[in-house]
Structures are given as C-alpha cells and as structure tokens.
Amino acid sequence: MDGKRGRRCRGLAALTFAVVGLGHVFPAAARERDLVLGPGPFSLADAAAKALRSWTYRPALLDGKPVPVCSHLVISFDVQ
C-alpha cells in the first residue's frame, strides 16, 4: 500500500482568504470542522489550503483597478 489507501477521511474545512492583485488567492486561516478521520495523519485544512492556493479568481475592481477582498469558503471532503 502507498500509505494513503485504506484511509477514510470525511469532514469540512473552513477557509478564510484574500483575493489580491490579479486574482491570486492568499489563505489567511484554515480550520477543520465536523471531522472524521481514518488511520494515519491527514489534515483537511492543509489539503483545502493547498487546493485554494492553486485557484485564480476574477479580481474585484474599484475605479477599474484591482482591490483586495476577503472571503470565506467551506470545502466538504469525503475521501475513501
């Protein structure tokens, strides 16, 4: 086994983040909620933050210029 098989992981990861510049994401906080883990170390918050960093948003504009905004997101996991 590769160390990941056989683990069950279910829960929610709540993220607070900022969208800055041209739509890049900067995670400010991540936490786990309603978590059920199988054997082995695994962090839903870390996985969610890693995924979030790969995303790009359309930036908010003020007078035609990008401005930073804060947002919240909850990602639901059910990995078997």
PDB file of N, CA and C in Angstrom:
ATOM      1  N   MET A   1       0.834  -1.194   0.000  1.00  0.00           N
ATOM      2  CA  MET A   1       0.000   0.000   0.000  1.00  0.00           C
ATOM      3  C   MET A   1       0.870   1.247   0.000  1.00  0.00           C
ATOM      4  N   ASP A   2       0.382   2.316  -0.604  1.00  0.00           N
ATOM      5  CA  ASP A   2       1.168   3.540  -0.710  1.00  0.00           C
ATOM      6  C   ASP A   2       1.020   4.440   0.503  1.00  0.00           C
ATOM      7  N   GLY A   3       0.362   3.978   1.554  1.00  0.00           N
ATOM      8  CA  GLY A   3       0.203   4.787   2.757  1.00  0.00           C
ATOM      9  C   GLY A   3      -1.064   5.614   2.770  1.00  0.00           C
ATOM     10  N   LYS A   4      -1.675   5.810   1.605  1.00  0.00           N
ATOM     11  CA  LYS A   4      -2.897   6.605   1.551  1.00  0.00           C
ATOM     12  C   LYS A   4      -4.120   5.724   1.396  1.00  0.00           C
ATOM     13  N   ARG A   5      -3.945   4.544   0.840  1.00  0.00           N
ATOM     14  CA  ARG A   5      -5.073   3.635   0.649  1.00  0.00           C
ATOM     15  C   ARG A   5      -5.531   3.102   1.997  1.00  0.00           C
ATOM     16  N   GLY A   6      -6.804   2.848   2.097  1.00  0.00           N
ATOM     17  CA  GLY A   6      -7.346   2.303   3.327  1.00  0.00           C
ATOM     18  C   GLY A   6      -7.739   3.363   4.340  1.00  0.00           C
ATOM     19  N   ARG A   7      -7.420   4.602   4.074  1.00  0.00           N
ATOM     20  CA  ARG A   7      -7.817   5.685   4.976  1.00  0.00           C
ATOM     21  C   ARG A   7      -9.172   6.216   4.563  1.00  0.00           C
ATOM     22  N   ARG A   8      -9.977   6.521   5.525  1.00  0.00           N
ATOM     23  CA  ARG A   8     -11.234   7.212   5.251  1.00  0.00           C
ATOM     24  C   ARG A   8     -11.144   8.575   5.914  1.00  0.00           C
ATOM     25  N   CYS A   9     -11.562   9.571   5.185  1.00  0.00           N
ATOM     26  CA  CYS A   9     -11.474  10.935   5.683  1.00  0.00           C
ATOM     27  C   CYS A   9     -12.739  11.660   5.259  1.00  0.00           C
ATOM     28  N   ARG A  10     -13.447  12.184   6.234  1.00  0.00           N
ATOM     29  CA  ARG A  10     -14.671  12.913   5.912  1.00  0.00           C
ATOM     30  C   ARG A  10     -14.769  14.111   6.840  1.00  0.00           C
ATOM     31  N   GLY A  11     -15.158  15.235   6.298  1.00  0.00           N
ATOM     32  CA  GLY A  11     -15.327  16.411   7.128  1.00  0.00           C
ATOM     33  C   GLY A  11     -15.367  17.688   6.309  1.00  0.00           C
ATOM     34  N   LEU A  12     -15.307  18.794   6.998  1.00  0.00           N
ATOM     35  CA  LEU A  12     -15.356  20.107   6.372  1.00  0.00           C
ATOM     36  C   LEU A  12     -14.100  20.886   6.717  1.00  0.00           C
ATOM     37  N   ALA A  13     -13.619  21.638   5.771  1.00  0.00           N
ATOM     38  CA  ALA A  13     -12.520  22.563   6.023  1.00  0.00           C
ATOM     39  C   ALA A  13     -13.038  23.966   5.736  1.00  0.00           C
ATOM     40  N   ALA A  14     -12.981  24.839   6.731  1.00  0.00           N
ATOM     41  CA  ALA A  14     -13.435  26.222   6.588  1.00  0.00           C
ATOM     42  C   ALA A  14     -12.216  27.101   6.351  1.00  0.00           C
ATOM     43  N   LEU A  15     -12.268  27.903   5.295  1.00  0.00           N
ATOM     44  CA  LEU A  15     -11.140  28.745   4.915  1.00  0.00           C
ATOM     45  C   LEU A  15     -11.539  30.215   4.898  1.00  0.00           C
ATOM     46  N   THR A  16     -10.654  31.046   5.372  1.00  0.00           N
ATOM     47  CA  THR A  16     -10.769  32.495   5.220  1.00  0.00           C
ATOM     48  C   THR A  16      -9.581  32.899   4.364  1.00  0.00           C
ATOM     49  N   PHE A  17      -9.841  33.684   3.335  1.00  0.00           N
ATOM     50  CA  PHE A  17      -8.757  34.016   2.415  1.00  0.00           C
ATOM     51  C   PHE A  17      -8.969  35.392   1.798  1.00  0.00           C
ATOM     52  N   ALA A  18      -7.913  35.887   1.195  1.00  0.00           N
ATOM     53  CA  ALA A  18      -7.971  37.159   0.481  1.00  0.00           C
ATOM     54  C   ALA A  18      -7.693  36.902  -0.994  1.00  0.00           C
ATOM     55  N   VAL A  19      -8.400  37.622  -1.844  1.00  0.00           N
ATOM     56  CA  VAL A  19      -8.122  37.624  -3.278  1.00  0.00           C
ATOM     57  C   VAL A  19      -7.408  38.942  -3.545  1.00  0.00           C
ATOM     58  N   VAL A  20      -6.180  38.847  -4.030  1.00  0.00           N
ATOM     59  CA  VAL A  20      -5.343  40.035  -4.197  1.00  0.00           C
ATOM     60  C   VAL A  20      -4.873  40.167  -5.638  1.00  0.00           C
ATOM     61  N   GLY A  21      -4.369  41.351  -5.948  1.00  0.00           N
ATOM     62  CA  GLY A  21      -3.753  41.593  -7.253  1.00  0.00           C
ATOM     63  C   GLY A  21      -4.634  41.194  -8.413  1.00  0.00           C
ATOM     64  N   LEU A  22      -4.119  40.310  -9.247  1.00  0.00           N
ATOM     65  CA  LEU A  22      -4.838  39.895 -10.445  1.00  0.00           C
ATOM     66  C   LEU A  22      -5.693  38.661 -10.211  1.00  0.00           C
ATOM     67  N   GLY A  23      -6.072  38.412  -8.951  1.00  0.00           N
ATOM     68  CA  GLY A  23      -6.964  37.306  -8.646  1.00  0.00           C
ATOM     69  C   GLY A  23      -6.306  36.161  -7.919  1.00  0.00           C
ATOM     70  N   HIS A  24      -5.074  36.370  -7.469  1.00  0.00           N
ATOM     71  CA  HIS A  24      -4.379  35.325  -6.730  1.00  0.00           C
ATOM     72  C   HIS A  24      -4.966  35.202  -5.330  1.00  0.00           C
ATOM     73  N   VAL A  25      -4.931  33.974  -4.804  1.00  0.00           N
ATOM     74  CA  VAL A  25      -5.529  33.686  -3.513  1.00  0.00           C
ATOM     75  C   VAL A  25      -4.452  33.589  -2.446  1.00  0.00           C
ATOM     76  N   PHE A  26      -4.720  34.209  -1.302  1.00  0.00           N
ATOM     77  CA  PHE A  26      -3.810  34.150  -0.163  1.00  0.00           C
ATOM     78  C   PHE A  26      -4.606  33.640   1.034  1.00  0.00           C
ATOM     79  N   PRO A  27      -4.446  32.332   1.371  1.00  0.00           N
ATOM     80  CA  PRO A  27      -5.183  31.804   2.526  1.00  0.00           C
ATOM     81  C   PRO A  27      -4.723  32.470   3.819  1.00  0.00           C
ATOM     82  N   ALA A  28      -5.675  32.957   4.598  1.00  0.00           N
ATOM     83  CA  ALA A  28      -5.338  33.606   5.863  1.00  0.00           C
ATOM     84  C   ALA A  28      -5.529  32.652   7.034  1.00  0.00           C
ATOM     85  N   ALA A  29      -6.544  31.787   6.946  1.00  0.00           N
ATOM     86  CA  ALA A  29      -6.816  30.848   8.036  1.00  0.00           C
ATOM     87  C   ALA A  29      -7.553  29.648   7.477  1.00  0.00           C
ATOM     88  N   ALA A  30      -7.243  28.492   8.029  1.00  0.00           N
ATOM     89  CA  ALA A  30      -7.940  27.265   7.640  1.00  0.00           C
ATOM     90  C   ALA A  30      -8.163  26.449   8.899  1.00  0.00           C
ATOM     91  N   ARG A  31      -9.351  25.895   9.026  1.00  0.00           N
ATOM     92  CA  ARG A  31      -9.624  25.045  10.186  1.00  0.00           C
ATOM     93  C   ARG A  31     -10.567  23.930   9.769  1.00  0.00           C
ATOM     94  N   GLU A  32     -10.528  22.851  10.535  1.00  0.00           N
ATOM     95  CA  GLU A  32     -11.347  21.690  10.245  1.00  0.00           C
ATOM     96  C   GLU A  32     -12.592  21.707  11.113  1.00  0.00           C
ATOM     97  N   ARG A  33     -13.705  21.227  10.551  1.00  0.00           N
ATOM     98  CA  ARG A  33     -14.964  21.138  11.291  1.00  0.00           C
ATOM     99  C   ARG A  33     -15.603  19.792  11.006  1.00  0.00           C
ATOM    100  N   ASP A  34     -16.317  19.250  11.968  1.00  0.00           N
ATOM    101  CA  ASP A  34     -17.070  18.006  11.781  1.00  0.00           C
ATOM    102  C   ASP A  34     -16.198  16.927  11.153  1.00  0.00           C
ATOM    103  N   LEU A  35     -15.076  16.664  11.764  1.00  0.00           N
ATOM    104  CA  LEU A  35     -14.036  15.840  11.172  1.00  0.00           C
ATOM    105  C   LEU A  35     -14.151  14.385  11.612  1.00  0.00           C
ATOM    106  N   VAL A  36     -14.054  13.486  10.646  1.00  0.00           N
ATOM    107  CA  VAL A  36     -13.973  12.054  10.903  1.00  0.00           C
ATOM    108  C   VAL A  36     -12.791  11.537  10.114  1.00  0.00           C
ATOM    109  N   LEU A  37     -11.768  11.033  10.807  1.00  0.00           N
ATOM    110  CA  LEU A  37     -10.557  10.562  10.136  1.00  0.00           C
ATOM    111  C   LEU A  37     -10.357   9.085  10.360  1.00  0.00           C
ATOM    112  N   GLY A  38      -9.816   8.437   9.357  1.00  0.00           N
ATOM    113  CA  GLY A  38      -9.377   7.057   9.494  1.00  0.00           C
ATOM    114  C   GLY A  38      -7.960   7.054  10.026  1.00  0.00           C
ATOM    115  N   PRO A  39      -7.272   5.902   9.971  1.00  0.00           N
ATOM    116  CA  PRO A  39      -5.908   5.831  10.482  1.00  0.00           C
ATOM    117  C   PRO A  39      -4.929   6.654   9.645  1.00  0.00           C
ATOM    118  N   GLY A  40      -3.928   7.194  10.291  1.00  0.00           N
ATOM    119  CA  GLY A  40      -2.878   7.932   9.583  1.00  0.00           C
ATOM    120  C   GLY A  40      -3.054   9.431   9.681  1.00  0.00           C
ATOM    121  N   PRO A  41      -1.950  10.162   9.578  1.00  0.00           N
ATOM    122  CA  PRO A  41      -2.027  11.630   9.658  1.00  0.00           C
ATOM    123  C   PRO A  41      -2.551  12.232   8.353  1.00  0.00           C
ATOM    124  N   PHE A  42      -3.506  13.101   8.474  1.00  0.00           N
ATOM    125  CA  PHE A  42      -4.063  13.777   7.300  1.00  0.00           C
ATOM    126  C   PHE A  42      -4.772  15.025   7.785  1.00  0.00           C
ATOM    127  N   SER A  43      -4.584  16.111   7.120  1.00  0.00           N
ATOM    128  CA  SER A  43      -5.205  17.361   7.523  1.00  0.00           C
ATOM    129  C   SER A  43      -6.086  17.899   6.402  1.00  0.00           C
ATOM    130  N   LEU A  44      -7.378  17.963   6.656  1.00  0.00           N
ATOM    131  CA  LEU A  44      -8.285  18.543   5.670  1.00  0.00           C
ATOM    132  C   LEU A  44      -7.987  20.015   5.459  1.00  0.00           C
ATOM    133  N   ALA A  45      -7.664  20.716   6.528  1.00  0.00           N
ATOM    134  CA  ALA A  45      -7.371  22.145   6.413  1.00  0.00           C
ATOM    135  C   ALA A  45      -6.157  22.369   5.512  1.00  0.00           C
ATOM    136  N   ASP A  46      -5.118  21.542   5.679  1.00  0.00           N
ATOM    137  CA  ASP A  46      -3.925  21.676   4.826  1.00  0.00           C
ATOM    138  C   ASP A  46      -4.259  21.374   3.369  1.00  0.00           C
ATOM    139  N   ALA A  47      -5.035  20.306   3.134  1.00  0.00           N
ATOM    140  CA  ALA A  47      -5.409  19.938   1.769  1.00  0.00           C
ATOM    141  C   ALA A  47      -6.261  21.027   1.126  1.00  0.00           C
ATOM    142  N   ALA A  48      -7.192  21.587   1.887  1.00  0.00           N
ATOM    143  CA  ALA A  48      -8.052  22.645   1.357  1.00  0.00           C
ATOM    144  C   ALA A  48      -7.246  23.899   1.042  1.00  0.00           C
ATOM    145  N   ALA A  49      -6.329  24.271   1.927  1.00  0.00           N
ATOM    146  CA  ALA A  49      -5.496  25.465   1.694  1.00  0.00           C
ATOM    147  C   ALA A  49      -4.607  25.258   0.468  1.00  0.00           C
ATOM    148  N   LYS A  50      -4.076  24.051   0.299  1.00  0.00           N
ATOM    149  CA  LYS A  50      -3.235  23.759  -0.875  1.00  0.00           C
ATOM    150  C   LYS A  50      -4.052  23.884  -2.159  1.00  0.00           C
ATOM    151  N   ALA A  51      -5.259  23.342  -2.160  1.00  0.00           N
ATOM    152  CA  ALA A  51      -6.127  23.452  -3.339  1.00  0.00           C
ATOM    153  C   ALA A  51      -6.476  24.914  -3.609  1.00  0.00           C
ATOM    154  N   LEU A  52      -6.819  25.647  -2.558  1.00  0.00           N
ATOM    155  CA  LEU A  52      -7.211  27.047  -2.708  1.00  0.00           C
ATOM    156  C   LEU A  52      -6.089  27.884  -3.324  1.00  0.00           C
ATOM    157  N   ARG A  53      -4.844  27.616  -2.935  1.00  0.00           N
ATOM    158  CA  ARG A  53      -3.717  28.381  -3.477  1.00  0.00           C
ATOM    159  C   ARG A  53      -3.556  28.180  -4.982  1.00  0.00           C
ATOM    160  N   SER A  54      -4.085  27.104  -5.536  1.00  0.00           N
ATOM    161  CA  SER A  54      -3.943  26.851  -6.974  1.00  0.00           C
ATOM    162  C   SER A  54      -5.039  27.545  -7.787  1.00  0.00           C
ATOM    163  N   TRP A  55      -6.046  28.096  -7.122  1.00  0.00           N
ATOM    164  CA  TRP A  55      -7.149  28.741  -7.813  1.00  0.00           C
ATOM    165  C   TRP A  55      -6.824  30.192  -8.135  1.00  0.00           C
ATOM    166  N   THR A  56      -7.493  30.720  -9.169  1.00  0.00           N
ATOM    167  CA  THR A  56      -7.402  32.139  -9.508  1.00  0.00           C
ATOM    168  C   THR A  56      -8.815  32.676  -9.653  1.00  0.00           C
ATOM    169  N   TYR A  57      -9.073  33.789  -9.035  1.00  0.00           N
ATOM    170  CA  TYR A  57     -10.381  34.437  -9.104  1.00  0.00           C
ATOM    171  C   TYR A  57     -10.302  35.661 -10.007  1.00  0.00           C
ATOM    172  N   ARG A  58     -11.441  36.091 -10.487  1.00  0.00           N
ATOM    173  CA  ARG A  58     -11.505  37.378 -11.178  1.00  0.00           C
ATOM    174  C   ARG A  58     -11.420  38.436 -10.086  1.00  0.00           C
ATOM    175  N   PRO A  59     -10.465  39.360 -10.175  1.00  0.00           N
ATOM    176  CA  PRO A  59     -10.297  40.324  -9.083  1.00  0.00           C
ATOM    177  C   PRO A  59     -11.463  41.307  -9.005  1.00  0.00           C
ATOM    178  N   ALA A  60     -11.708  41.761  -7.789  1.00  0.00           N
ATOM    179  CA  ALA A  60     -12.681  42.833  -7.590  1.00  0.00           C
ATOM    180  C   ALA A  60     -12.046  44.128  -8.083  1.00  0.00           C
ATOM    181  N   LEU A  61     -12.844  44.983  -8.667  1.00  0.00           N
ATOM    182  CA  LEU A  61     -12.326  46.237  -9.216  1.00  0.00           C
ATOM    183  C   LEU A  61     -12.987  47.426  -8.545  1.00  0.00           C
ATOM    184  N   LEU A  62     -12.199  48.454  -8.343  1.00  0.00           N
ATOM    185  CA  LEU A  62     -12.691  49.733  -7.848  1.00  0.00           C
ATOM    186  C   LEU A  62     -12.082  50.794  -8.741  1.00  0.00           C
ATOM    187  N   ASP A  63     -12.920  51.552  -9.418  1.00  0.00           N
ATOM    188  CA  ASP A  63     -12.456  52.542 -10.396  1.00  0.00           C
ATOM    189  C   ASP A  63     -11.545  51.892 -11.427  1.00  0.00           C
ATOM    190  N   GLY A  64     -11.883  50.642 -11.812  1.00  0.00           N
ATOM    191  CA  GLY A  64     -11.130  49.937 -12.849  1.00  0.00           C
ATOM    192  C   GLY A  64      -9.821  49.313 -12.398  1.00  0.00           C
ATOM    193  N   LYS A  65      -9.511  49.416 -11.104  1.00  0.00           N
ATOM    194  CA  LYS A  65      -8.257  48.866 -10.590  1.00  0.00           C
ATOM    195  C   LYS A  65      -8.564  47.729  -9.610  1.00  0.00           C
ATOM    196  N   PRO A  66      -7.745  46.661  -9.651  1.00  0.00           N
ATOM    197  CA  PRO A  66      -7.978  45.547  -8.721  1.00  0.00           C
ATOM    198  C   PRO A  66      -7.776  45.963  -7.275  1.00  0.00           C
ATOM    199  N   VAL A  67      -8.665  45.493  -6.404  1.00  0.00           N
ATOM    200  CA  VAL A  67      -8.558  45.743  -4.967  1.00  0.00           C
ATOM    201  C   VAL A  67      -8.656  44.410  -4.230  1.00  0.00           C
ATOM    202  N   PRO A  68      -7.952  44.269  -3.109  1.00  0.00           N
ATOM    203  CA  PRO A  68      -8.037  43.020  -2.354  1.00  0.00           C
ATOM    204  C   PRO A  68      -9.395  42.882  -1.669  1.00  0.00           C
ATOM    205  N   VAL A  69      -9.886  41.662  -1.605  1.00  0.00           N
ATOM    206  CA  VAL A  69     -11.126  41.369  -0.894  1.00  0.00           C
ATOM    207  C   VAL A  69     -10.933  40.110  -0.062  1.00  0.00           C
ATOM    208  N   CYS A  70     -11.661  40.021   1.035  1.00  0.00           N
ATOM    209  CA  CYS A  70     -11.627  38.825   1.885  1.00  0.00           C
ATOM    210  C   CYS A  70     -12.878  38.006   1.620  1.00  0.00           C
ATOM    211  N   SER A  71     -12.749  36.700   1.753  1.00  0.00           N
ATOM    212  CA  SER A  71     -13.887  35.823   1.538  1.00  0.00           C
ATOM    213  C   SER A  71     -13.764  34.589   2.421  1.00  0.00           C
ATOM    214  N   HIS A  72     -14.831  33.810   2.475  1.00  0.00           N
ATOM    215  CA  HIS A  72     -14.883  32.587   3.269  1.00  0.00           C
ATOM    216  C   HIS A  72     -15.395  31.466   2.375  1.00  0.00           C
ATOM    217  N   LEU A  73     -14.923  30.269   2.640  1.00  0.00           N
ATOM    218  CA  LEU A  73     -15.302  29.114   1.842  1.00  0.00           C
ATOM    219  C   LEU A  73     -15.274  27.878   2.726  1.00  0.00           C
ATOM    220  N   VAL A  74     -16.231  26.991   2.541  1.00  0.00           N
ATOM    221  CA  VAL A  74     -16.229  25.709   3.232  1.00  0.00           C
ATOM    222  C   VAL A  74     -16.148  24.619   2.169  1.00  0.00           C
ATOM    223  N   ILE A  75     -15.144  23.752   2.287  1.00  0.00           N
ATOM    224  CA  ILE A  75     -14.961  22.647   1.357  1.00  0.00           C
ATOM    225  C   ILE A  75     -15.320  21.360   2.087  1.00  0.00           C
ATOM    226  N   SER A  76     -16.182  20.575   1.460  1.00  0.00           N
ATOM    227  CA  SER A  76     -16.622  19.310   2.020  1.00  0.00           C
ATOM    228  C   SER A  76     -15.771  18.177   1.430  1.00  0.00           C
ATOM    229  N   PHE A  77     -15.236  17.316   2.310  1.00  0.00           N
ATOM    230  CA  PHE A  77     -14.422  16.177   1.891  1.00  0.00           C
ATOM    231  C   PHE A  77     -15.126  14.875   2.258  1.00  0.00           C
ATOM    232  N   ASP A  78     -15.044  13.902   1.375  1.00  0.00           N
ATOM    233  CA  ASP A  78     -15.458  12.530   1.670  1.00  0.00           C
ATOM    234  C   ASP A  78     -14.553  11.628   0.836  1.00  0.00           C
ATOM    235  N   VAL A  79     -13.415  11.284   1.392  1.00  0.00           N
ATOM    236  CA  VAL A  79     -12.392  10.507   0.701  1.00  0.00           C
ATOM    237  C   VAL A  79     -12.385   9.104   1.275  1.00  0.00           C
ATOM    238  N   GLN A  80     -12.439   8.110   0.412  1.00  0.00           N
ATOM    239  CA  GLN A  80     -12.436   6.717   0.874  1.00  0.00           C
ATOM    240  C   GLN A  80     -11.262   5.976   0.291  1.00  0.00           C
TER     241      GLN A  80
END
